[in-house]
PDB file of N, CA and C in Angstrom:
ATOM      1  N   MET A   1     -15.023  23.135  13.099  1.00  0.00           N
ATOM      2  CA  MET A   1     -13.707  23.571  13.341  1.00  0.00           C
ATOM      3  C   MET A   1     -12.969  23.963  11.910  1.00  0.00           C
ATOM      4  N   SER A   2     -12.421  25.340  12.092  1.00  0.00           N
ATOM      5  CA  SER A   2     -11.859  25.783  10.991  1.00  0.00           C
ATOM      6  C   SER A   2     -10.406  25.478  10.738  1.00  0.00           C
ATOM      7  N   ARG A   3      -9.683  25.316   9.782  1.00  0.00           N
ATOM      8  CA  ARG A   3      -8.280  24.872   9.539  1.00  0.00           C
ATOM      9  C   ARG A   3      -7.612  26.124   9.116  1.00  0.00           C
ATOM     10  N   SER A   4      -6.403  26.282   9.844  1.00  0.00           N
ATOM     11  CA  SER A   4      -5.767  27.338   9.565  1.00  0.00           C
ATOM     12  C   SER A   4      -4.987  27.132   8.086  1.00  0.00           C
ATOM     13  N   THR A   5      -4.348  28.294   7.523  1.00  0.00           N
ATOM     14  CA  THR A   5      -3.751  28.324   6.378  1.00  0.00           C
ATOM     15  C   THR A   5      -2.486  27.378   6.154  1.00  0.00           C
ATOM     16  N   VAL A   6      -1.916  27.437   7.323  1.00  0.00           N
ATOM     17  CA  VAL A   6      -0.652  26.437   7.279  1.00  0.00           C
ATOM     18  C   VAL A   6      -1.397  25.034   7.343  1.00  0.00           C
ATOM     19  N   ASP A   7      -2.296  24.746   7.816  1.00  0.00           N
ATOM     20  CA  ASP A   7      -2.817  23.472   8.357  1.00  0.00           C
ATOM     21  C   ASP A   7      -3.560  22.994   6.698  1.00  0.00           C
ATOM     22  N   ARG A   8      -3.871  23.914   6.004  1.00  0.00           N
ATOM     23  CA  ARG A   8      -4.560  23.663   4.704  1.00  0.00           C
ATOM     24  C   ARG A   8      -3.417  23.528   3.599  1.00  0.00           C
ATOM     25  N   LEU A   9      -2.254  24.215   3.788  1.00  0.00           N
ATOM     26  CA  LEU A   9      -1.102  24.060   2.860  1.00  0.00           C
ATOM     27  C   LEU A   9      -0.560  22.624   3.182  1.00  0.00           C
ATOM     28  N   HIS A  10      -0.311  22.239   4.462  1.00  0.00           N
ATOM     29  CA  HIS A  10      -0.185  20.820   4.776  1.00  0.00           C
ATOM     30  C   HIS A  10      -0.843  19.676   4.054  1.00  0.00           C
ATOM     31  N   ASP A  11      -2.328  20.073   4.077  1.00  0.00           N
ATOM     32  CA  ASP A  11      -3.397  19.202   3.593  1.00  0.00           C
ATOM     33  C   ASP A  11      -3.042  18.957   2.120  1.00  0.00           C
ATOM     34  N   ILE A  12      -2.674  20.066   1.234  1.00  0.00           N
ATOM     35  CA  ILE A  12      -2.149  20.030   0.008  1.00  0.00           C
ATOM     36  C   ILE A  12      -1.146  19.132  -0.204  1.00  0.00           C
ATOM     37  N   ILE A  13       0.045  19.289   0.567  1.00  0.00           N
ATOM     38  CA  ILE A  13       1.171  18.486   0.290  1.00  0.00           C
ATOM     39  C   ILE A  13       0.819  16.799   0.650  1.00  0.00           C
ATOM     40  N   HIS A  14       0.071  16.600   1.736  1.00  0.00           N
ATOM     41  CA  HIS A  14      -0.239  15.279   2.002  1.00  0.00           C
ATOM     42  C   HIS A  14      -1.140  14.771   1.070  1.00  0.00           C
ATOM     43  N   SER A  15      -2.043  15.381   0.622  1.00  0.00           N
ATOM     44  CA  SER A  15      -2.797  14.443  -0.609  1.00  0.00           C
ATOM     45  C   SER A  15      -2.406  14.396  -1.601  1.00  0.00           C
ATOM     46  N   ALA A  16      -1.376  15.556  -2.015  1.00  0.00           N
ATOM     47  CA  ALA A  16      -0.668  15.294  -3.382  1.00  0.00           C
ATOM     48  C   ALA A  16       0.245  14.097  -3.316  1.00  0.00           C
ATOM     49  N   GLU A  17       0.714  13.770  -2.177  1.00  0.00           N
ATOM     50  CA  GLU A  17       1.658  12.866  -1.900  1.00  0.00           C
ATOM     51  C   GLU A  17       1.051  11.448  -2.067  1.00  0.00           C
ATOM     52  N   LEU A  18      -0.197  11.417  -1.552  1.00  0.00           N
ATOM     53  CA  LEU A  18      -0.976  10.207  -1.584  1.00  0.00           C
ATOM     54  C   LEU A  18      -1.444   9.938  -2.929  1.00  0.00           C
ATOM     55  N   ALA A  19      -2.191  10.818  -3.595  1.00  0.00           N
ATOM     56  CA  ALA A  19      -2.495  11.078  -4.963  1.00  0.00           C
ATOM     57  C   ALA A  19      -1.322  10.010  -5.806  1.00  0.00           C
ATOM     58  N   ALA A  20      -0.199  10.472  -5.769  1.00  0.00           N
ATOM     59  CA  ALA A  20       0.891  10.091  -6.537  1.00  0.00           C
ATOM     60  C   ALA A  20       1.179   8.635  -5.913  1.00  0.00           C
ATOM     61  N   GLN A  21       1.241   8.395  -4.815  1.00  0.00           N
ATOM     62  CA  GLN A  21       1.299   7.008  -4.238  1.00  0.00           C
ATOM     63  C   GLN A  21       0.188   6.037  -4.926  1.00  0.00           C
ATOM     64  N   HIS A  22      -1.152   6.490  -4.815  1.00  0.00           N
ATOM     65  CA  HIS A  22      -2.092   5.669  -5.554  1.00  0.00           C
ATOM     66  C   HIS A  22      -2.157   5.581  -6.836  1.00  0.00           C
ATOM     67  N   ALA A  23      -1.716   6.518  -7.618  1.00  0.00           N
ATOM     68  CA  ALA A  23      -1.648   6.629  -9.178  1.00  0.00           C
ATOM     69  C   ALA A  23      -0.447   7.171  -9.965  1.00  0.00           C
ATOM     70  N   GLY A  24       0.320   7.399  -9.176  1.00  0.00           N
ATOM     71  CA  GLY A  24       1.381   8.383  -9.945  1.00  0.00           C
ATOM     72  C   GLY A  24       2.123   7.442 -11.005  1.00  0.00           C
ATOM     73  N   HIS A  25       1.983   6.072 -10.765  1.00  0.00           N
ATOM     74  CA  HIS A  25       2.626   5.199 -11.913  1.00  0.00           C
ATOM     75  C   HIS A  25       1.924   4.789 -13.148  1.00  0.00           C
ATOM     76  N   LEU A  26       0.485   5.071 -12.924  1.00  0.00           N
ATOM     77  CA  LEU A  26      -0.664   4.650 -13.923  1.00  0.00           C
ATOM     78  C   LEU A  26      -0.831   5.644 -15.051  1.00  0.00           C
ATOM     79  N   GLY A  27      -0.899   5.149 -16.298  1.00  0.00           N
ATOM     80  CA  GLY A  27      -1.274   6.027 -17.414  1.00  0.00           C
ATOM     81  C   GLY A  27      -2.751   6.132 -17.327  1.00  0.00           C
ATOM     82  N   ALA A  28      -3.289   6.882 -18.328  1.00  0.00           N
ATOM     83  CA  ALA A  28      -4.708   7.480 -18.155  1.00  0.00           C
ATOM     84  C   ALA A  28      -5.631   6.153 -18.472  1.00  0.00           C
ATOM     85  N   GLU A  29      -5.180   5.291 -19.379  1.00  0.00           N
ATOM     86  CA  GLU A  29      -6.048   3.939 -19.600  1.00  0.00           C
ATOM     87  C   GLU A  29      -6.005   3.144 -18.759  1.00  0.00           C
ATOM     88  N   VAL A  30      -5.180   2.864 -17.882  1.00  0.00           N
ATOM     89  CA  VAL A  30      -5.066   1.970 -16.537  1.00  0.00           C
ATOM     90  C   VAL A  30      -5.777   2.586 -15.456  1.00  0.00           C
ATOM     91  N   LEU A  31      -5.335   3.665 -15.395  1.00  0.00           N
ATOM     92  CA  LEU A  31      -6.199   4.498 -14.384  1.00  0.00           C
ATOM     93  C   LEU A  31      -7.595   4.556 -14.412  1.00  0.00           C
ATOM     94  N   SER A  32      -8.053   4.739 -15.768  1.00  0.00           N
ATOM     95  CA  SER A  32      -9.669   4.712 -15.981  1.00  0.00           C
ATOM     96  C   SER A  32     -10.264   3.340 -15.574  1.00  0.00           C
ATOM     97  N   ALA A  33      -9.424   2.272 -15.828  1.00  0.00           N
ATOM     98  CA  ALA A  33      -9.910   0.773 -15.640  1.00  0.00           C
ATOM     99  C   ALA A  33     -10.015   0.505 -14.050  1.00  0.00           C
ATOM    100  N   ALA A  34      -9.053   0.988 -13.450  1.00  0.00           N
ATOM    101  CA  ALA A  34      -8.522   0.738 -12.150  1.00  0.00           C
ATOM    102  C   ALA A  34      -9.294   1.415 -11.192  1.00  0.00           C
ATOM    103  N   ALA A  35     -10.419   0.862 -10.758  1.00  0.00           N
ATOM    104  CA  ALA A  35     -11.349   1.477  -9.906  1.00  0.00           C
ATOM    105  C   ALA A  35     -10.898   2.020  -8.402  1.00  0.00           C
ATOM    106  N   GLY A  36      -9.876   1.292  -7.823  1.00  0.00           N
ATOM    107  CA  GLY A  36      -9.644   1.545  -6.675  1.00  0.00           C
ATOM    108  C   GLY A  36      -8.508   2.724  -6.580  1.00  0.00           C
ATOM    109  N   PRO A  37      -7.522   2.787  -7.385  1.00  0.00           N
ATOM    110  CA  PRO A  37      -6.437   3.649  -7.627  1.00  0.00           C
ATOM    111  C   PRO A  37      -7.260   4.768  -8.129  1.00  0.00           C
ATOM    112  N   ARG A  38      -8.021   4.703  -9.138  1.00  0.00           N
ATOM    113  CA  ARG A  38      -8.592   5.990  -9.751  1.00  0.00           C
ATOM    114  C   ARG A  38      -9.470   6.775  -8.757  1.00  0.00           C
ATOM    115  N   ASP A  39     -10.222   5.996  -8.001  1.00  0.00           N
ATOM    116  CA  ASP A  39     -10.998   6.823  -7.077  1.00  0.00           C
ATOM    117  C   ASP A  39     -10.323   7.253  -5.779  1.00  0.00           C
ATOM    118  N   ALA A  40      -9.157   6.578  -5.399  1.00  0.00           N
ATOM    119  CA  ALA A  40      -8.403   7.345  -4.110  1.00  0.00           C
ATOM    120  C   ALA A  40      -7.506   8.393  -4.821  1.00  0.00           C
ATOM    121  N   ALA A  41      -7.162   8.336  -5.926  1.00  0.00           N
ATOM    122  CA  ALA A  41      -6.296   9.370  -6.498  1.00  0.00           C
ATOM    123  C   ALA A  41      -7.314  10.868  -6.646  1.00  0.00           C
ATOM    124  N   LEU A  42      -8.480  10.357  -7.319  1.00  0.00           N
ATOM    125  CA  LEU A  42      -9.594  11.208  -7.459  1.00  0.00           C
ATOM    126  C   LEU A  42      -9.782  12.014  -5.924  1.00  0.00           C
ATOM    127  N   PHE A  43     -10.253  11.240  -4.943  1.00  0.00           N
ATOM    128  CA  PHE A  43     -10.276  11.948  -3.742  1.00  0.00           C
ATOM    129  C   PHE A  43      -9.156  12.741  -3.269  1.00  0.00           C
ATOM    130  N   ARG A  44      -8.075  12.179  -3.282  1.00  0.00           N
ATOM    131  CA  ARG A  44      -6.879  13.035  -2.993  1.00  0.00           C
ATOM    132  C   ARG A  44      -6.764  14.162  -3.657  1.00  0.00           C
ATOM    133  N   LEU A  45      -7.099  14.423  -5.020  1.00  0.00           N
ATOM    134  CA  LEU A  45      -7.123  15.633  -5.843  1.00  0.00           C
ATOM    135  C   LEU A  45      -7.985  16.548  -5.333  1.00  0.00           C
ATOM    136  N   THR A  46      -9.119  15.863  -5.108  1.00  0.00           N
ATOM    137  CA  THR A  46     -10.645  16.677  -4.291  1.00  0.00           C
ATOM    138  C   THR A  46      -9.797  17.514  -3.285  1.00  0.00           C
ATOM    139  N   VAL A  47      -9.201  16.656  -2.441  1.00  0.00           N
ATOM    140  CA  VAL A  47      -8.776  17.449  -1.103  1.00  0.00           C
ATOM    141  C   VAL A  47      -7.652  18.377  -1.525  1.00  0.00           C
ATOM    142  N   VAL A  48      -6.810  18.146  -2.398  1.00  0.00           N
ATOM    143  CA  VAL A  48      -5.753  19.112  -2.780  1.00  0.00           C
ATOM    144  C   VAL A  48      -6.263  20.491  -3.244  1.00  0.00           C
ATOM    145  N   CYS A  49      -7.439  20.136  -4.156  1.00  0.00           N
ATOM    146  CA  CYS A  49      -8.152  21.389  -4.687  1.00  0.00           C
ATOM    147  C   CYS A  49      -8.858  22.138  -3.963  1.00  0.00           C
ATOM    148  N   GLU A  50      -9.739  21.434  -2.968  1.00  0.00           N
ATOM    149  CA  GLU A  50     -10.391  22.147  -2.048  1.00  0.00           C
ATOM    150  C   GLU A  50      -9.701  22.807  -1.046  1.00  0.00           C
ATOM    151  N   ALA A  51      -8.571  22.242  -0.613  1.00  0.00           N
ATOM    152  CA  ALA A  51      -7.790  23.103   0.220  1.00  0.00           C
ATOM    153  C   ALA A  51      -7.205  24.354  -0.255  1.00  0.00           C
ATOM    154  N   ALA A  52      -6.824  24.393  -1.654  1.00  0.00           N
ATOM    155  CA  ALA A  52      -6.311  25.384  -2.269  1.00  0.00           C
ATOM    156  C   ALA A  52      -7.500  26.505  -2.496  1.00  0.00           C
ATOM    157  N   THR A  53      -8.560  26.041  -2.758  1.00  0.00           N
ATOM    158  CA  THR A  53      -9.929  26.782  -2.956  1.00  0.00           C
ATOM    159  C   THR A  53     -10.191  27.691  -1.806  1.00  0.00           C
ATOM    160  N   ARG A  54      -9.691  27.239  -0.536  1.00  0.00           N
ATOM    161  CA  ARG A  54     -10.209  27.929   0.693  1.00  0.00           C
ATOM    162  C   ARG A  54      -8.824  28.721   1.168  1.00  0.00           C
ATOM    163  N   LEU A  55      -7.685  28.953   0.455  1.00  0.00           N
ATOM    164  CA  LEU A  55      -6.391  29.758   0.761  1.00  0.00           C
ATOM    165  C   LEU A  55      -7.194  31.184   0.680  1.00  0.00           C
ATOM    166  N   PRO A  56      -6.596  32.230   1.395  1.00  0.00           N
ATOM    167  CA  PRO A  56      -6.877  33.427   1.231  1.00  0.00           C
ATOM    168  C   PRO A  56      -6.180  33.972   0.068  1.00  0.00           C
ATOM    169  N   ALA A  57      -6.692  35.106  -0.665  1.00  0.00           N
ATOM    170  CA  ALA A  57      -6.106  35.496  -1.994  1.00  0.00           C
ATOM    171  C   ALA A  57      -4.687  36.119  -1.437  1.00  0.00           C
ATOM    172  N   GLU A  58      -4.277  36.555  -0.367  1.00  0.00           N
ATOM    173  CA  GLU A  58      -2.998  37.237  -0.220  1.00  0.00           C
ATOM    174  C   GLU A  58      -2.137  35.950   0.041  1.00  0.00           C
ATOM    175  N   ILE A  59      -2.454  34.796   0.079  1.00  0.00           N
ATOM    176  CA  ILE A  59      -1.599  33.650   0.234  1.00  0.00           C
ATOM    177  C   ILE A  59      -1.341  33.080  -1.256  1.00  0.00           C
ATOM    178  N   GLU A  60      -2.300  33.207  -2.042  1.00  0.00           N
ATOM    179  CA  GLU A  60      -2.119  32.972  -3.368  1.00  0.00           C
ATOM    180  C   GLU A  60      -1.333  33.819  -4.059  1.00  0.00           C
ATOM    181  N   ALA A  61      -1.313  35.077  -3.879  1.00  0.00           N
ATOM    182  CA  ALA A  61      -0.379  36.202  -4.364  1.00  0.00           C
ATOM    183  C   ALA A  61       0.977  36.083  -4.093  1.00  0.00           C
ATOM    184  N   LEU A  62       1.166  35.276  -3.008  1.00  0.00           N
ATOM    185  CA  LEU A  62       2.674  34.978  -2.746  1.00  0.00           C
ATOM    186  C   LEU A  62       3.112  33.828  -3.541  1.00  0.00           C
ATOM    187  N   ALA A  63       2.331  33.115  -4.345  1.00  0.00           N
ATOM    188  CA  ALA A  63       2.895  32.063  -5.076  1.00  0.00           C
ATOM    189  C   ALA A  63       2.213  32.331  -6.536  1.00  0.00           C
ATOM    190  N   PRO A  64       2.543  33.094  -7.327  1.00  0.00           N
ATOM    191  CA  PRO A  64       1.904  33.655  -8.656  1.00  0.00           C
ATOM    192  C   PRO A  64       2.264  32.343  -9.455  1.00  0.00           C
ATOM    193  N   ASP A  65       3.343  31.707  -9.271  1.00  0.00           N
ATOM    194  CA  ASP A  65       3.653  30.668 -10.493  1.00  0.00           C
ATOM    195  C   ASP A  65       2.613  29.424 -10.334  1.00  0.00           C
ATOM    196  N   VAL A  66       2.130  29.466  -9.214  1.00  0.00           N
ATOM    197  CA  VAL A  66       0.817  28.186  -9.015  1.00  0.00           C
ATOM    198  C   VAL A  66      -0.282  28.759 -10.003  1.00  0.00           C
ATOM    199  N   GLU A  67      -0.998  27.781 -10.572  1.00  0.00           N
ATOM    200  CA  GLU A  67      -2.028  28.228 -11.172  1.00  0.00           C
ATOM    201  C   GLU A  67      -3.468  27.855 -10.701  1.00  0.00           C
ATOM    202  N   TRP A  68      -3.712  28.529  -9.595  1.00  0.00           N
ATOM    203  CA  TRP A  68      -4.521  28.581  -8.428  1.00  0.00           C
ATOM    204  C   TRP A  68      -6.032  28.325  -9.231  1.00  0.00           C
ATOM    205  N   GLN A  69      -6.231  29.196 -10.222  1.00  0.00           N
ATOM    206  CA  GLN A  69      -7.544  28.903 -10.764  1.00  0.00           C
ATOM    207  C   GLN A  69      -7.880  27.667 -11.652  1.00  0.00           C
ATOM    208  N   LYS A  70      -6.555  26.966 -12.287  1.00  0.00           N
ATOM    209  CA  LYS A  70      -6.736  25.604 -12.865  1.00  0.00           C
ATOM    210  C   LYS A  70      -7.001  24.718 -11.699  1.00  0.00           C
ATOM    211  N   ILE A  71      -6.319  24.916 -10.477  1.00  0.00           N
ATOM    212  CA  ILE A  71      -6.744  24.001  -9.387  1.00  0.00           C
ATOM    213  C   ILE A  71      -8.073  24.102  -9.188  1.00  0.00           C
ATOM    214  N   LYS A  72      -8.719  25.115  -8.868  1.00  0.00           N
ATOM    215  CA  LYS A  72      -9.906  25.203  -8.728  1.00  0.00           C
ATOM    216  C   LYS A  72     -10.914  24.819  -9.428  1.00  0.00           C
ATOM    217  N   GLY A  73     -10.623  25.181 -10.596  1.00  0.00           N
ATOM    218  CA  GLY A  73     -11.451  24.346 -11.841  1.00  0.00           C
ATOM    219  C   GLY A  73     -11.453  23.009 -12.014  1.00  0.00           C
ATOM    220  N   MET A  74     -10.454  22.240 -11.410  1.00  0.00           N
ATOM    221  CA  MET A  74     -10.227  20.859 -11.650  1.00  0.00           C
ATOM    222  C   MET A  74     -11.072  20.350 -10.543  1.00  0.00           C
ATOM    223  N   ARG A  75     -11.214  21.100  -9.387  1.00  0.00           N
ATOM    224  CA  ARG A  75     -12.192  20.873  -8.066  1.00  0.00           C
ATOM    225  C   ARG A  75     -13.562  20.620  -8.495  1.00  0.00           C
ATOM    226  N   ASN A  76     -14.019  21.740  -9.336  1.00  0.00           N
ATOM    227  CA  ASN A  76     -15.130  22.035  -9.627  1.00  0.00           C
ATOM    228  C   ASN A  76     -15.859  20.696 -10.623  1.00  0.00           C
ATOM    229  N   ILE A  77     -14.653  20.427 -11.548  1.00  0.00           N
ATOM    230  CA  ILE A  77     -15.044  19.147 -12.443  1.00  0.00           C
ATOM    231  C   ILE A  77     -15.327  17.877 -11.724  1.00  0.00           C
ATOM    232  N   ILE A  78     -14.245  17.616 -11.004  1.00  0.00           N
ATOM    233  CA  ILE A  78     -14.373  16.377 -10.140  1.00  0.00           C
ATOM    234  C   ILE A  78     -15.628  16.320  -9.274  1.00  0.00           C
ATOM    235  N   VAL A  79     -15.993  17.518  -8.506  1.00  0.00           N
ATOM    236  CA  VAL A  79     -17.010  17.317  -7.789  1.00  0.00           C
ATOM    237  C   VAL A  79     -18.324  17.634  -8.392  1.00  0.00           C
ATOM    238  N   HIS A  80     -18.392  18.442  -9.409  1.00  0.00           N
ATOM    239  CA  HIS A  80     -19.650  18.832  -9.851  1.00  0.00           C
ATOM    240  C   HIS A  80     -19.969  18.240 -11.172  1.00  0.00           C
ATOM    241  N   ASP A  81     -18.974  18.198 -12.008  1.00  0.00           N
ATOM    242  CA  ASP A  81     -19.026  17.735 -13.248  1.00  0.00           C
ATOM    243  C   ASP A  81     -18.284  16.186 -13.725  1.00  0.00           C
ATOM    244  N   TYR A  82     -18.464  15.650 -12.548  1.00  0.00           N
ATOM    245  CA  TYR A  82     -17.790  14.094 -12.560  1.00  0.00           C
ATOM    246  C   TYR A  82     -17.799  13.379 -13.772  1.00  0.00           C
ATOM    247  N   TRP A  83     -18.726  13.632 -14.619  1.00  0.00           N
ATOM    248  CA  TRP A  83     -18.971  12.597 -15.942  1.00  0.00           C
ATOM    249  C   TRP A  83     -18.244  13.339 -16.971  1.00  0.00           C
ATOM    250  N   GLN A  84     -17.531  14.493 -16.639  1.00  0.00           N
ATOM    251  CA  GLN A  84     -16.594  14.847 -17.636  1.00  0.00           C
ATOM    252  C   GLN A  84     -14.995  15.193 -17.251  1.00  0.00           C
ATOM    253  N   ILE A  85     -14.928  14.231 -16.339  1.00  0.00           N
ATOM    254  CA  ILE A  85     -13.396  13.955 -15.767  1.00  0.00           C
ATOM    255  C   ILE A  85     -12.916  13.434 -17.071  1.00  0.00           C
ATOM    256  N   ASP A  86     -11.669  13.915 -17.510  1.00  0.00           N
ATOM    257  CA  ASP A  86     -10.638  13.618 -18.482  1.00  0.00           C
ATOM    258  C   ASP A  86      -9.504  12.838 -17.728  1.00  0.00           C
ATOM    259  N   MET A  87      -9.508  11.708 -17.871  1.00  0.00           N
ATOM    260  CA  MET A  87      -8.532  10.728 -16.922  1.00  0.00           C
ATOM    261  C   MET A  87      -7.160  11.103 -17.472  1.00  0.00           C
ATOM    262  N   ALA A  88      -6.935  11.340 -18.732  1.00  0.00           N
ATOM    263  CA  ALA A  88      -5.675  11.494 -19.114  1.00  0.00           C
ATOM    264  C   ALA A  88      -5.238  12.922 -18.721  1.00  0.00           C
ATOM    265  N   THR A  89      -6.036  13.995 -18.564  1.00  0.00           N
ATOM    266  CA  THR A  89      -5.716  15.092 -17.549  1.00  0.00           C
ATOM    267  C   THR A  89      -5.153  14.752 -16.036  1.00  0.00           C
ATOM    268  N   VAL A  90      -6.221  13.905 -15.705  1.00  0.00           N
ATOM    269  CA  VAL A  90      -5.885  13.317 -14.220  1.00  0.00           C
ATOM    270  C   VAL A  90      -4.324  12.938 -14.177  1.00  0.00           C
ATOM    271  N   ALA A  91      -4.300  11.861 -14.859  1.00  0.00           N
ATOM    272  CA  ALA A  91      -2.831  11.351 -15.139  1.00  0.00           C
ATOM    273  C   ALA A  91      -1.696  12.124 -15.252  1.00  0.00           C
ATOM    274  N   GLU A  92      -1.994  13.129 -16.166  1.00  0.00           N
ATOM    275  CA  GLU A  92      -0.907  13.980 -16.452  1.00  0.00           C
ATOM    276  C   GLU A  92      -0.678  14.885 -15.147  1.00  0.00           C
ATOM    277  N   THR A  93      -1.765  15.251 -14.497  1.00  0.00           N
ATOM    278  CA  THR A  93      -1.773  16.157 -13.323  1.00  0.00           C
ATOM    279  C   THR A  93      -0.856  15.598 -12.252  1.00  0.00           C
ATOM    280  N   ILE A  94      -1.068  14.246 -12.001  1.00  0.00           N
ATOM    281  CA  ILE A  94      -0.437  13.716 -11.045  1.00  0.00           C
ATOM    282  C   ILE A  94       0.915  13.381 -11.274  1.00  0.00           C
ATOM    283  N   ALA A  95       1.335  13.082 -12.601  1.00  0.00           N
ATOM    284  CA  ALA A  95       2.646  12.914 -13.210  1.00  0.00           C
ATOM    285  C   ALA A  95       3.519  14.319 -13.210  1.00  0.00           C
ATOM    286  N   ASN A  96       2.834  15.230 -13.338  1.00  0.00           N
ATOM    287  CA  ASN A  96       3.674  16.238 -13.864  1.00  0.00           C
ATOM    288  C   ASN A  96       3.285  17.610 -12.894  1.00  0.00           C
ATOM    289  N   ASP A  97       2.230  17.864 -12.398  1.00  0.00           N
ATOM    290  CA  ASP A  97       1.924  19.071 -11.987  1.00  0.00           C
ATOM    291  C   ASP A  97       2.003  19.139 -10.150  1.00  0.00           C
ATOM    292  N   LEU A  98       2.051  17.897  -9.634  1.00  0.00           N
ATOM    293  CA  LEU A  98       1.742  17.781  -7.973  1.00  0.00           C
ATOM    294  C   LEU A  98       3.061  18.145  -7.466  1.00  0.00           C
ATOM    295  N   GLU A  99       4.208  17.555  -8.039  1.00  0.00           N
ATOM    296  CA  GLU A  99       5.589  17.924  -7.451  1.00  0.00           C
ATOM    297  C   GLU A  99       6.064  19.427  -7.453  1.00  0.00           C
ATOM    298  N   PRO A 100       5.803  20.005  -8.520  1.00  0.00           N
ATOM    299  CA  PRO A 100       5.994  21.683  -8.339  1.00  0.00           C
ATOM    300  C   PRO A 100       5.180  22.301  -7.526  1.00  0.00           C
ATOM    301  N   LEU A 101       4.007  21.628  -7.410  1.00  0.00           N
ATOM    302  CA  LEU A 101       2.811  22.171  -6.619  1.00  0.00           C
ATOM    303  C   LEU A 101       3.226  22.290  -5.224  1.00  0.00           C
ATOM    304  N   LYS A 102       3.720  21.098  -4.843  1.00  0.00           N
ATOM    305  CA  LYS A 102       4.458  20.875  -3.540  1.00  0.00           C
ATOM    306  C   LYS A 102       5.583  21.615  -2.996  1.00  0.00           C
ATOM    307  N   VAL A 103       6.581  21.864  -3.892  1.00  0.00           N
ATOM    308  CA  VAL A 103       7.520  22.747  -3.901  1.00  0.00           C
ATOM    309  C   VAL A 103       7.067  24.113  -3.544  1.00  0.00           C
ATOM    310  N   ALA A 104       6.133  24.605  -4.337  1.00  0.00           N
ATOM    311  CA  ALA A 104       5.688  26.078  -4.076  1.00  0.00           C
ATOM    312  C   ALA A 104       4.924  26.119  -2.645  1.00  0.00           C
ATOM    313  N   VAL A 105       4.154  25.133  -2.393  1.00  0.00           N
ATOM    314  CA  VAL A 105       3.482  25.109  -1.039  1.00  0.00           C
ATOM    315  C   VAL A 105       4.311  24.945   0.145  1.00  0.00           C
ATOM    316  N   ARG A 106       5.461  24.200  -0.060  1.00  0.00           N
ATOM    317  CA  ARG A 106       6.384  24.100   0.955  1.00  0.00           C
ATOM    318  C   ARG A 106       7.098  25.461   1.075  1.00  0.00           C
ATOM    319  N   ARG A 107       7.411  26.242   0.150  1.00  0.00           N
ATOM    320  CA  ARG A 107       7.933  27.684   0.075  1.00  0.00           C
ATOM    321  C   ARG A 107       7.059  28.607   0.933  1.00  0.00           C
ATOM    322  N   LEU A 108       5.547  28.216   0.618  1.00  0.00           N
ATOM    323  CA  LEU A 108       4.623  29.356   1.357  1.00  0.00           C
ATOM    324  C   LEU A 108       4.758  28.968   3.016  1.00  0.00           C
ATOM    325  N   ILE A 109       4.682  27.723   3.155  1.00  0.00           N
ATOM    326  CA  ILE A 109       4.843  27.258   4.572  1.00  0.00           C
ATOM    327  C   ILE A 109       5.986  28.018   5.327  1.00  0.00           C
ATOM    328  N   VAL A 110       7.139  27.922   4.639  1.00  0.00           N
ATOM    329  CA  VAL A 110       8.383  28.496   5.409  1.00  0.00           C
ATOM    330  C   VAL A 110       8.290  29.844   5.455  1.00  0.00           C
ATOM    331  N   SER A 111       7.533  30.480   4.363  1.00  0.00           N
ATOM    332  CA  SER A 111       7.393  31.913   4.478  1.00  0.00           C
ATOM    333  C   SER A 111       6.564  32.700   5.534  1.00  0.00           C
ATOM    334  N   LEU A 112       5.483  31.850   5.876  1.00  0.00           N
ATOM    335  CA  LEU A 112       4.255  31.997   6.642  1.00  0.00           C
ATOM    336  C   LEU A 112       5.062  31.843   8.231  1.00  0.00           C
ATOM    337  N   GLU A 113       5.610  30.761   8.265  1.00  0.00           N
ATOM    338  CA  GLU A 113       6.436  30.277   9.452  1.00  0.00           C
ATOM    339  C   GLU A 113       7.406  31.302   9.942  1.00  0.00           C
ATOM    340  N   ARG A 114       8.067  31.679   9.012  1.00  0.00           N
ATOM    341  CA  ARG A 114       9.145  33.003   9.316  1.00  0.00           C
ATOM    342  C   ARG A 114       8.439  34.333   9.836  1.00  0.00           C
ATOM    343  N   SER A 115       7.222  34.490   8.803  1.00  0.00           N
ATOM    344  CA  SER A 115       6.604  35.879   9.373  1.00  0.00           C
ATOM    345  C   SER A 115       5.954  35.613  10.621  1.00  0.00           C
ATOM    346  N   ASP A 116       5.552  34.492  11.142  1.00  0.00           N
ATOM    347  CA  ASP A 116       4.892  34.228  12.496  1.00  0.00           C
ATOM    348  C   ASP A 116       5.882  34.345  13.455  1.00  0.00           C
ATOM    349  N   GLY A 117       7.021  33.722  13.233  1.00  0.00           N
ATOM    350  CA  GLY A 117       8.126  33.982  14.291  1.00  0.00           C
ATOM    351  C   GLY A 117       8.761  34.954  14.508  1.00  0.00           C
TER     352      GLY A 117
END
């Protein structure tokens, strides 16, 4: 079953919120050592990144302030180059980048729902 664009956008928001819940309060050193929160946060970041990877280019173009290529790159590192994951980057992403991403994605959802309605 295929997911709609709006479903994927909701997936981004939901998984970003869960990543922050699992590890938003942890620094890189603690996150590296805490297997449960680390693994949960990495899984949720993978979902965020995978959902973003599957968005159509025309949707990405509606939010040029979002660094879509960096998001896709993070997914590739987590999934394919897992031994190169930099936990400082993960902790920084969770602490600083997920909230602005959620704001941008919410704007996209509103825009898409208005154009459908």
